[in-house]
Structure formats: structure tokens, C-alpha cells
Amino acid sequence: MRFRINTADVRVNAPVEYVGLTEDRAMETPKGWWSVGWYELGPLPGQEGSAVLAGHLDSDTGKAVFWDLDKLRIGDEVSVIDRNGNTTRFRVRDKEVYYADNAPIEKIFGGSGGSHLNLITCDGVFDRQAGVYDRRLVVFTDRVD
């Protein structure tokens, strides 16, 4: 599977890793800085419900795959290419920033009727001691038929 964004402001063409849950029941992050992680305990992109892809904002040396994710605009399109070469397109409906410990899990991961793809990356202030950002950017998209 591959994930693509090709807008005037954002360009991504990334392999998709399969990720699950950490020991503390949070979504795992992809191992690669330039790949995205599909939450394999949820629906595949294009299926009924909310598929979720996460990507790193930055790395130890600079930018990572979702560095420009905040530049997506309502109406922009993203796409997922499956193993058979079939492309499923999604249109950006909304963008929200949440504190990491207060994100609306049901809104992001829950099935809300229809086919959705929700994109997650870090945002906010980086806590050097903890090694994490305090917020998450979530881009909500709907399947384009």
C-alpha cells in the first residue's frame, strides 16, 4: 500500500506500514520517518468506517513525512493505492489540533457512517525531556466516489 498527497503545498508519496497498539494502548507510530502507519485494527482505507494513518512530523535530523500536513486545505485530495494498484481518493473535510492526552478517540477512530481516512501527526510544543509533542494534528477526510 502507498499513501499520496499531491497538492500545490503538500507532496507525499510514502509506503504504508501496518501498526497496532503500544503496551499502554496508544496507536503505534511508523518505524520509518518517511513512511506512514495504518492502524491495522481498524478498517482499510476505503472500507466503511474511519481508517487512520499516522506519520512523523520530524526526525532526529529534520523534516519527516507529514512535515507539511498542516498545509492541507479543506477540499484538497489525498489517495491510497492498494496492493493491486487500485486508487481510493479522499477529500479533506476538516482539520483539528488536540492536546495529546485529550484527543477525541471516538471521533478519530470510530465508525461514523461512510468511508473516512483520518491523518494524524504531531503538533504543538516539543517536550525534550519526555521526547514527545504535546498536541496532535488530525486531518479528517471523506471518500470521493
Foldseek 3Di string as FASTA:
>chain_A
DWKFFDDPQATATAAEAEWEADPVGDTDADPDQRHKYWHVVADDQPDQFETEIEHEQADPVGGGNCVRVVVDDAQGKMWDQDPVRDIWIKGWHDKDKDFPVDDPCCVRGNGDTAGKYKYKYADADADVVVRGHGMMMITIIGTDD
